PDB file of all heavy atoms in Angstrom:
ATOM      1  N   THR A   1       0.822  -1.210   0.000  1.00  0.00           N
ATOM      2  CA  THR A   1       0.000   0.000   0.000  1.00  0.00           C
ATOM      3  C   THR A   1       0.853   1.256   0.000  1.00  0.00           C
ATOM      4  O   THR A   1       0.578   2.212  -0.725  1.00  0.00           O
ATOM      5  CB  THR A   1      -0.938   0.002   1.217  1.00  0.00           C
ATOM      6  OG1 THR A   1      -1.681  -1.229   1.244  1.00  0.00           O
ATOM      7  CG2 THR A   1      -1.912   1.176   1.148  1.00  0.00           C
ATOM      8  N   THR A   2       1.927   1.234   0.818  1.00  0.00           N
ATOM      9  CA  THR A   2       2.780   2.421   0.949  1.00  0.00           C
ATOM     10  C   THR A   2       4.138   2.263   0.289  1.00  0.00           C
ATOM     11  O   THR A   2       4.901   3.225   0.206  1.00  0.00           O
ATOM     12  CB  THR A   2       3.004   2.742   2.433  1.00  0.00           C
ATOM     13  OG1 THR A   2       3.723   1.662   3.046  1.00  0.00           O
ATOM     14  CG2 THR A   2       1.679   2.944   3.150  1.00  0.00           C
ATOM     15  N   ASP A   3       4.466   1.032  -0.152  1.00  0.00           N
ATOM     16  CA  ASP A   3       5.754   0.700  -0.763  1.00  0.00           C
ATOM     17  C   ASP A   3       6.920   0.827   0.204  1.00  0.00           C
ATOM     18  O   ASP A   3       8.074   0.962  -0.204  1.00  0.00           O
ATOM     19  CB  ASP A   3       6.009   1.566  -1.995  1.00  0.00           C
ATOM     20  CG  ASP A   3       6.938   0.851  -2.988  1.00  0.00           C
ATOM     21  OD1 ASP A   3       6.800  -0.378  -3.145  1.00  0.00           O
ATOM     22  OD2 ASP A   3       7.790   1.517  -3.596  1.00  0.00           O
ATOM     23  N   LYS A   4       6.649   0.802   1.524  1.00  0.00           N
ATOM     24  CA  LYS A   4       7.696   0.878   2.530  1.00  0.00           C
ATOM     25  C   LYS A   4       8.146  -0.523   2.920  1.00  0.00           C
ATOM     26  O   LYS A   4       7.334  -1.442   3.047  1.00  0.00           O
ATOM     27  CB  LYS A   4       7.211   1.628   3.765  1.00  0.00           C
ATOM     28  CG  LYS A   4       6.974   3.105   3.535  1.00  0.00           C
ATOM     29  CD  LYS A   4       6.544   3.794   4.817  1.00  0.00           C
ATOM     30  CE  LYS A   4       6.339   5.284   4.615  1.00  0.00           C
ATOM     31  NZ  LYS A   4       5.896   5.962   5.870  1.00  0.00           N
ATOM     32  N   VAL A   5       9.438  -0.675   3.156  1.00  0.00           N
ATOM     33  CA  VAL A   5       9.989  -1.953   3.584  1.00  0.00           C
ATOM     34  C   VAL A   5       9.657  -2.174   5.052  1.00  0.00           C
ATOM     35  O   VAL A   5       9.962  -1.348   5.902  1.00  0.00           O
ATOM     36  CB  VAL A   5      11.504  -1.993   3.361  1.00  0.00           C
ATOM     37  CG1 VAL A   5      12.088  -3.270   3.938  1.00  0.00           C
ATOM     38  CG2 VAL A   5      11.834  -1.893   1.881  1.00  0.00           C
ATOM     39  N   ILE A   6       9.034  -3.269   5.350  1.00  0.00           N
ATOM     40  CA  ILE A   6       8.657  -3.626   6.716  1.00  0.00           C
ATOM     41  C   ILE A   6       9.718  -4.487   7.367  1.00  0.00           C
ATOM     42  O   ILE A   6      10.009  -4.360   8.544  1.00  0.00           O
ATOM     43  CB  ILE A   6       7.301  -4.349   6.736  1.00  0.00           C
ATOM     44  CG1 ILE A   6       6.226  -3.495   6.109  1.00  0.00           C
ATOM     45  CG2 ILE A   6       6.901  -4.745   8.153  1.00  0.00           C
ATOM     46  CD1 ILE A   6       6.035  -2.149   6.796  1.00  0.00           C
ATOM     47  N   LEU A   7      10.301  -5.400   6.592  1.00  0.00           N
ATOM     48  CA  LEU A   7      11.356  -6.280   7.089  1.00  0.00           C
ATOM     49  C   LEU A   7      12.467  -6.315   6.060  1.00  0.00           C
ATOM     50  O   LEU A   7      12.266  -6.731   4.927  1.00  0.00           O
ATOM     51  CB  LEU A   7      10.806  -7.687   7.342  1.00  0.00           C
ATOM     52  CG  LEU A   7      11.815  -8.724   7.873  1.00  0.00           C
ATOM     53  CD1 LEU A   7      12.259  -8.357   9.284  1.00  0.00           C
ATOM     54  CD2 LEU A   7      11.206 -10.130   7.858  1.00  0.00           C
ATOM     55  N   GLN A   8      13.636  -5.851   6.454  1.00  0.00           N
ATOM     56  CA  GLN A   8      14.785  -5.886   5.561  1.00  0.00           C
ATOM     57  C   GLN A   8      15.263  -7.315   5.384  1.00  0.00           C
ATOM     58  O   GLN A   8      14.835  -8.210   6.138  1.00  0.00           O
ATOM     59  CB  GLN A   8      15.908  -5.002   6.102  1.00  0.00           C
ATOM     60  CG  GLN A   8      16.368  -5.349   7.486  1.00  0.00           C
ATOM     61  CD  GLN A   8      17.397  -4.380   8.015  1.00  0.00           C
ATOM     62  OE1 GLN A   8      18.139  -3.764   7.251  1.00  0.00           O
ATOM     63  NE2 GLN A   8      17.463  -4.208   9.317  1.00  0.00           N
ATOM     64  N   PRO A   9      16.100  -7.577   4.382  1.00  0.00           N
ATOM     65  CA  PRO A   9      16.466  -8.963   4.067  1.00  0.00           C
ATOM     66  C   PRO A   9      16.792  -9.801   5.296  1.00  0.00           C
ATOM     67  O   PRO A   9      17.690  -9.477   6.067  1.00  0.00           O
ATOM     68  CB  PRO A   9      17.674  -8.791   3.149  1.00  0.00           C
ATOM     69  CG  PRO A   9      17.422  -7.477   2.471  1.00  0.00           C
ATOM     70  CD  PRO A   9      16.770  -6.613   3.498  1.00  0.00           C
ATOM     71  N   TYR A  10      16.005 -10.878   5.469  1.00  0.00           N
ATOM     72  CA  TYR A  10      16.095 -11.722   6.661  1.00  0.00           C
ATOM     73  C   TYR A  10      16.448 -13.144   6.238  1.00  0.00           C
ATOM     74  O   TYR A  10      15.799 -13.720   5.355  1.00  0.00           O
ATOM     75  CB  TYR A  10      14.758 -11.702   7.421  1.00  0.00           C
ATOM     76  CG  TYR A  10      14.803 -12.310   8.800  1.00  0.00           C
ATOM     77  CD1 TYR A  10      14.990 -11.513   9.922  1.00  0.00           C
ATOM     78  CD2 TYR A  10      14.649 -13.681   8.993  1.00  0.00           C
ATOM     79  CE1 TYR A  10      15.004 -12.064  11.201  1.00  0.00           C
ATOM     80  CE2 TYR A  10      14.686 -14.241  10.249  1.00  0.00           C
ATOM     81  CZ  TYR A  10      14.874 -13.427  11.352  1.00  0.00           C
ATOM     82  OH  TYR A  10      14.907 -13.982  12.621  1.00  0.00           O
ATOM     83  N   ALA A  11      17.453 -13.742   6.860  1.00  0.00           N
ATOM     84  CA  ALA A  11      17.956 -15.061   6.483  1.00  0.00           C
ATOM     85  C   ALA A  11      16.966 -16.165   6.871  1.00  0.00           C
ATOM     86  O   ALA A  11      16.463 -16.188   7.994  1.00  0.00           O
ATOM     87  CB  ALA A  11      19.307 -15.314   7.140  1.00  0.00           C
ATOM     88  N   ILE A  12      16.689 -17.054   5.936  1.00  0.00           N
ATOM     89  CA  ILE A  12      15.840 -18.213   6.203  1.00  0.00           C
ATOM     90  C   ILE A  12      16.525 -19.482   5.686  1.00  0.00           C
ATOM     91  O   ILE A  12      17.355 -19.438   4.785  1.00  0.00           O
ATOM     92  CB  ILE A  12      14.444 -18.077   5.546  1.00  0.00           C
ATOM     93  CG1 ILE A  12      14.578 -17.928   4.032  1.00  0.00           C
ATOM     94  CG2 ILE A  12      13.653 -16.958   6.166  1.00  0.00           C
ATOM     95  CD1 ILE A  12      13.248 -18.030   3.292  1.00  0.00           C
ATOM     96  N   ASP A  13      16.166 -20.614   6.271  1.00  0.00           N
ATOM     97  CA  ASP A  13      16.742 -21.910   5.940  1.00  0.00           C
ATOM     98  C   ASP A  13      16.033 -22.502   4.715  1.00  0.00           C
ATOM     99  O   ASP A  13      14.836 -22.777   4.754  1.00  0.00           O
ATOM    100  CB  ASP A  13      16.602 -22.853   7.135  1.00  0.00           C
ATOM    101  CG  ASP A  13      17.258 -24.209   6.891  1.00  0.00           C
ATOM    102  OD1 ASP A  13      17.901 -24.390   5.835  1.00  0.00           O
ATOM    103  OD2 ASP A  13      17.098 -25.092   7.756  1.00  0.00           O
ATOM    104  N   LEU A  14      16.773 -22.702   3.644  1.00  0.00           N
ATOM    105  CA  LEU A  14      16.216 -23.277   2.422  1.00  0.00           C
ATOM    106  C   LEU A  14      16.733 -24.683   2.137  1.00  0.00           C
ATOM    107  O   LEU A  14      16.502 -25.211   1.047  1.00  0.00           O
ATOM    108  CB  LEU A  14      16.523 -22.376   1.216  1.00  0.00           C
ATOM    109  CG  LEU A  14      15.856 -20.997   1.218  1.00  0.00           C
ATOM    110  CD1 LEU A  14      16.295 -20.223  -0.017  1.00  0.00           C
ATOM    111  CD2 LEU A  14      14.341 -21.123   1.249  1.00  0.00           C
ATOM    112  N   LYS A  15      17.416 -25.269   3.105  1.00  0.00           N
ATOM    113  CA  LYS A  15      17.909 -26.631   2.882  1.00  0.00           C
ATOM    114  C   LYS A  15      16.728 -27.572   2.712  1.00  0.00           C
ATOM    115  O   LYS A  15      15.769 -27.534   3.484  1.00  0.00           O
ATOM    116  CB  LYS A  15      18.782 -27.081   4.058  1.00  0.00           C
ATOM    117  CG  LYS A  15      20.092 -26.340   4.199  1.00  0.00           C
ATOM    118  CD  LYS A  15      21.008 -26.980   5.202  1.00  0.00           C
ATOM    119  CE  LYS A  15      20.455 -26.907   6.594  1.00  0.00           C
ATOM    120  NZ  LYS A  15      20.472 -25.507   7.103  1.00  0.00           N
ATOM    121  N   ILE A  16      16.802 -28.389   1.686  1.00  0.00           N
ATOM    122  CA  ILE A  16      15.735 -29.363   1.467  1.00  0.00           C
ATOM    123  C   ILE A  16      15.826 -30.412   2.566  1.00  0.00           C
ATOM    124  O   ILE A  16      16.861 -31.061   2.737  1.00  0.00           O
ATOM    125  CB  ILE A  16      15.845 -30.017   0.085  1.00  0.00           C
ATOM    126  CG1 ILE A  16      15.656 -28.966  -1.003  1.00  0.00           C
ATOM    127  CG2 ILE A  16      14.821 -31.128  -0.060  1.00  0.00           C
ATOM    128  CD1 ILE A  16      15.749 -29.475  -2.385  1.00  0.00           C
ATOM    129  N   PRO A  17      14.788 -30.572   3.342  1.00  0.00           N
ATOM    130  CA  PRO A  17      14.851 -31.474   4.502  1.00  0.00           C
ATOM    131  C   PRO A  17      14.914 -32.941   4.112  1.00  0.00           C
ATOM    132  O   PRO A  17      14.496 -33.344   3.035  1.00  0.00           O
ATOM    133  CB  PRO A  17      13.555 -31.172   5.259  1.00  0.00           C
ATOM    134  CG  PRO A  17      12.631 -30.705   4.190  1.00  0.00           C
ATOM    135  CD  PRO A  17      13.468 -29.974   3.182  1.00  0.00           C
ATOM    136  N   PHE A  18      15.471 -33.740   5.008  1.00  0.00           N
ATOM    137  CA  PHE A  18      15.486 -35.165   4.825  1.00  0.00           C
ATOM    138  C   PHE A  18      14.076 -35.701   4.741  1.00  0.00           C
ATOM    139  O   PHE A  18      13.139 -35.140   5.296  1.00  0.00           O
ATOM    140  CB  PHE A  18      16.231 -35.825   5.982  1.00  0.00           C
ATOM    141  CG  PHE A  18      17.665 -35.420   6.071  1.00  0.00           C
ATOM    142  CD1 PHE A  18      18.119 -34.641   7.102  1.00  0.00           C
ATOM    143  CD2 PHE A  18      18.552 -35.789   5.095  1.00  0.00           C
ATOM    144  CE1 PHE A  18      19.442 -34.237   7.167  1.00  0.00           C
ATOM    145  CE2 PHE A  18      19.868 -35.395   5.144  1.00  0.00           C
ATOM    146  CZ  PHE A  18      20.323 -34.618   6.181  1.00  0.00           C
ATOM    147  N   LEU A  19      13.932 -36.797   4.009  1.00  0.00           N
ATOM    148  CA  LEU A  19      12.666 -37.479   3.766  1.00  0.00           C
ATOM    149  C   LEU A  19      11.797 -36.831   2.707  1.00  0.00           C
ATOM    150  O   LEU A  19      10.928 -37.462   2.162  1.00  0.00           O
ATOM    151  CB  LEU A  19      11.831 -37.608   5.052  1.00  0.00           C
ATOM    152  CG  LEU A  19      12.332 -38.544   6.117  1.00  0.00           C
ATOM    153  CD1 LEU A  19      11.375 -38.517   7.302  1.00  0.00           C
ATOM    154  CD2 LEU A  19      12.423 -39.950   5.615  1.00  0.00           C
ATOM    155  N   GLN A  20      12.006 -35.582   2.431  1.00  0.00           N
ATOM    156  CA  GLN A  20      11.111 -34.900   1.524  1.00  0.00           C
ATOM    157  C   GLN A  20      11.452 -35.142   0.065  1.00  0.00           C
ATOM    158  O   GLN A  20      10.728 -34.713  -0.820  1.00  0.00           O
ATOM    159  CB  GLN A  20      11.117 -33.399   1.817  1.00  0.00           C
ATOM    160  CG  GLN A  20      10.631 -33.044   3.211  1.00  0.00           C
ATOM    161  CD  GLN A  20       9.237 -33.545   3.487  1.00  0.00           C
ATOM    162  OE1 GLN A  20       8.413 -33.636   2.578  1.00  0.00           O
ATOM    163  NE2 GLN A  20       8.950 -33.894   4.729  1.00  0.00           N
ATOM    164  N   LEU A  21      12.503 -35.858  -0.181  1.00  0.00           N
ATOM    165  CA  LEU A  21      12.869 -36.179  -1.554  1.00  0.00           C
ATOM    166  C   LEU A  21      12.237 -37.487  -2.005  1.00  0.00           C
ATOM    167  O   LEU A  21      12.408 -37.902  -3.130  1.00  0.00           O
ATOM    168  CB  LEU A  21      14.388 -36.262  -1.684  1.00  0.00           C
ATOM    169  CG  LEU A  21      15.129 -34.946  -1.445  1.00  0.00           C
ATOM    170  CD1 LEU A  21      16.623 -35.187  -1.393  1.00  0.00           C
ATOM    171  CD2 LEU A  21      14.802 -33.949  -2.520  1.00  0.00           C
ATOM    172  N   THR A  22      11.522 -38.132  -1.127  1.00  0.00           N
ATOM    173  CA  THR A  22      10.933 -39.419  -1.445  1.00  0.00           C
ATOM    174  C   THR A  22       9.439 -39.420  -1.162  1.00  0.00           C
ATOM    175  O   THR A  22       8.936 -38.639  -0.373  1.00  0.00           O
ATOM    176  CB  THR A  22      11.581 -40.549  -0.635  1.00  0.00           C
ATOM    177  OG1 THR A  22      11.252 -40.360   0.741  1.00  0.00           O
ATOM    178  CG2 THR A  22      13.082 -40.552  -0.798  1.00  0.00           C
ATOM    179  N   ASN A  23       8.754 -40.318  -1.815  1.00  0.00           N
ATOM    180  CA  ASN A  23       7.325 -40.485  -1.590  1.00  0.00           C
ATOM    181  C   ASN A  23       7.023 -41.379  -0.405  1.00  0.00           C
ATOM    182  O   ASN A  23       5.960 -41.286   0.184  1.00  0.00           O
ATOM    183  CB  ASN A  23       6.645 -41.076  -2.819  1.00  0.00           C
ATOM    184  CG  ASN A  23       6.626 -40.107  -3.976  1.00  0.00           C
ATOM    185  OD1 ASN A  23       6.934 -38.944  -3.812  1.00  0.00           O
ATOM    186  ND2 ASN A  23       6.286 -40.595  -5.148  1.00  0.00           N
ATOM    187  N   TYR A  24       7.941 -42.230  -0.040  1.00  0.00           N
ATOM    188  CA  TYR A  24       7.714 -43.193   1.006  1.00  0.00           C
ATOM    189  C   TYR A  24       8.829 -43.147   2.031  1.00  0.00           C
ATOM    190  O   TYR A  24       9.999 -43.004   1.691  1.00  0.00           O
ATOM    191  CB  TYR A  24       7.563 -44.608   0.444  1.00  0.00           C
ATOM    192  CG  TYR A  24       6.385 -44.730  -0.482  1.00  0.00           C
ATOM    193  CD1 TYR A  24       6.522 -44.516  -1.830  1.00  0.00           C
ATOM    194  CD2 TYR A  24       5.119 -44.991   0.011  1.00  0.00           C
ATOM    195  CE1 TYR A  24       5.434 -44.581  -2.677  1.00  0.00           C
ATOM    196  CE2 TYR A  24       4.018 -45.051  -0.821  1.00  0.00           C
ATOM    197  CZ  TYR A  24       4.185 -44.856  -2.161  1.00  0.00           C
ATOM    198  OH  TYR A  24       3.098 -44.906  -3.003  1.00  0.00           O
ATOM    199  N   THR A  25       8.443 -43.291   3.281  1.00  0.00           N
ATOM    200  CA  THR A  25       9.377 -43.149   4.374  1.00  0.00           C
ATOM    201  C   THR A  25      10.107 -44.449   4.677  1.00  0.00           C
ATOM    202  O   THR A  25      11.311 -44.482   4.825  1.00  0.00           O
ATOM    203  CB  THR A  25       8.635 -42.682   5.635  1.00  0.00           C
ATOM    204  OG1 THR A  25       7.822 -41.598   5.347  1.00  0.00           O
ATOM    205  CG2 THR A  25       9.600 -42.321   6.704  1.00  0.00           C
ATOM    206  N   VAL A  26       9.379 -45.522   4.793  1.00  0.00           N
ATOM    207  CA  VAL A  26       9.930 -46.787   5.240  1.00  0.00           C
ATOM    208  C   VAL A  26       9.616 -47.889   4.240  1.00  0.00           C
ATOM    209  O   VAL A  26       8.488 -48.016   3.783  1.00  0.00           O
ATOM    210  CB  VAL A  26       9.375 -47.177   6.618  1.00  0.00           C
ATOM    211  CG1 VAL A  26       9.935 -48.510   7.070  1.00  0.00           C
ATOM    212  CG2 VAL A  26       9.688 -46.109   7.645  1.00  0.00           C
ATOM    213  N   ILE A  27      10.594 -48.662   3.900  1.00  0.00           N
ATOM    214  CA  ILE A  27      10.402 -49.844   3.078  1.00  0.00           C
ATOM    215  C   ILE A  27      10.379 -51.045   4.011  1.00  0.00           C
ATOM    216  O   ILE A  27      11.346 -51.317   4.715  1.00  0.00           O
ATOM    217  CB  ILE A  27      11.521 -50.004   2.034  1.00  0.00           C
ATOM    218  CG1 ILE A  27      11.662 -48.733   1.204  1.00  0.00           C
ATOM    219  CG2 ILE A  27      11.264 -51.213   1.157  1.00  0.00           C
ATOM    220  CD1 ILE A  27      10.413 -48.370   0.444  1.00  0.00           C
ATOM    221  N   ASN A  28       9.285 -51.771   4.050  1.00  0.00           N
ATOM    222  CA  ASN A  28       9.110 -52.848   5.010  1.00  0.00           C
ATOM    223  C   ASN A  28       9.765 -54.146   4.571  1.00  0.00           C
ATOM    224  O   ASN A  28       9.714 -54.512   3.394  1.00  0.00           O
ATOM    225  CB  ASN A  28       7.634 -53.098   5.271  1.00  0.00           C
ATOM    226  CG  ASN A  28       6.987 -51.968   6.037  1.00  0.00           C
ATOM    227  OD1 ASN A  28       7.541 -51.478   7.007  1.00  0.00           O
ATOM    228  ND2 ASN A  28       5.831 -51.536   5.582  1.00  0.00           N
ATOM    229  N   ASN A  29      10.359 -54.804   5.551  1.00  0.00           N
ATOM    230  CA  ASN A  29      10.861 -56.161   5.399  1.00  0.00           C
ATOM    231  C   ASN A  29      11.859 -56.337   4.269  1.00  0.00           C
ATOM    232  O   ASN A  29      12.020 -57.426   3.736  1.00  0.00           O
ATOM    233  CB  ASN A  29       9.697 -57.142   5.228  1.00  0.00           C
ATOM    234  CG  ASN A  29       8.810 -57.177   6.460  1.00  0.00           C
ATOM    235  OD1 ASN A  29       9.298 -57.125   7.581  1.00  0.00           O
ATOM    236  ND2 ASN A  29       7.514 -57.233   6.242  1.00  0.00           N
ATOM    237  N   GLY A  30      12.522 -55.245   3.917  1.00  0.00           N
ATOM    238  CA  GLY A  30      13.580 -55.372   2.940  1.00  0.00           C
ATOM    239  C   GLY A  30      13.151 -55.830   1.567  1.00  0.00           C
ATOM    240  O   GLY A  30      13.941 -56.364   0.804  1.00  0.00           O
ATOM    241  N   LYS A  31      11.889 -55.635   1.236  1.00  0.00           N
ATOM    242  CA  LYS A  31      11.437 -56.023  -0.084  1.00  0.00           C
ATOM    243  C   LYS A  31      12.135 -55.179  -1.143  1.00  0.00           C
ATOM    244  O   LYS A  31      12.429 -54.024  -0.927  1.00  0.00           O
ATOM    245  CB  LYS A  31       9.921 -55.872  -0.201  1.00  0.00           C
ATOM    246  CG  LYS A  31       9.134 -56.830   0.663  1.00  0.00           C
ATOM    247  CD  LYS A  31       7.643 -56.613   0.492  1.00  0.00           C
ATOM    248  CE  LYS A  31       6.857 -57.589   1.356  1.00  0.00           C
ATOM    249  NZ  LYS A  31       5.395 -57.370   1.224  1.00  0.00           N
ATOM    250  N   GLU A  32      12.380 -55.790  -2.273  1.00  0.00           N
ATOM    251  CA  GLU A  32      13.021 -55.046  -3.342  1.00  0.00           C
ATOM    252  C   GLU A  32      12.167 -53.859  -3.760  1.00  0.00           C
ATOM    253  O   GLU A  32      10.952 -53.939  -3.830  1.00  0.00           O
ATOM    254  CB  GLU A  32      13.263 -55.945  -4.554  1.00  0.00           C
ATOM    255  CG  GLU A  32      14.298 -57.033  -4.289  1.00  0.00           C
ATOM    256  CD  GLU A  32      14.611 -57.832  -5.517  1.00  0.00           C
ATOM    257  OE1 GLU A  32      13.784 -57.854  -6.434  1.00  0.00           O
ATOM    258  OE2 GLU A  32      15.697 -58.424  -5.579  1.00  0.00           O
TER     259      GLU A  32
END
């Protein structure tokens, strides 16, 4: 509305978290 900066550049974590690269979490009983 006013074009004023409310928060200047703020660092955030963009690391892709573990588990999120897969569709399934656990493979049961060692099945292929």
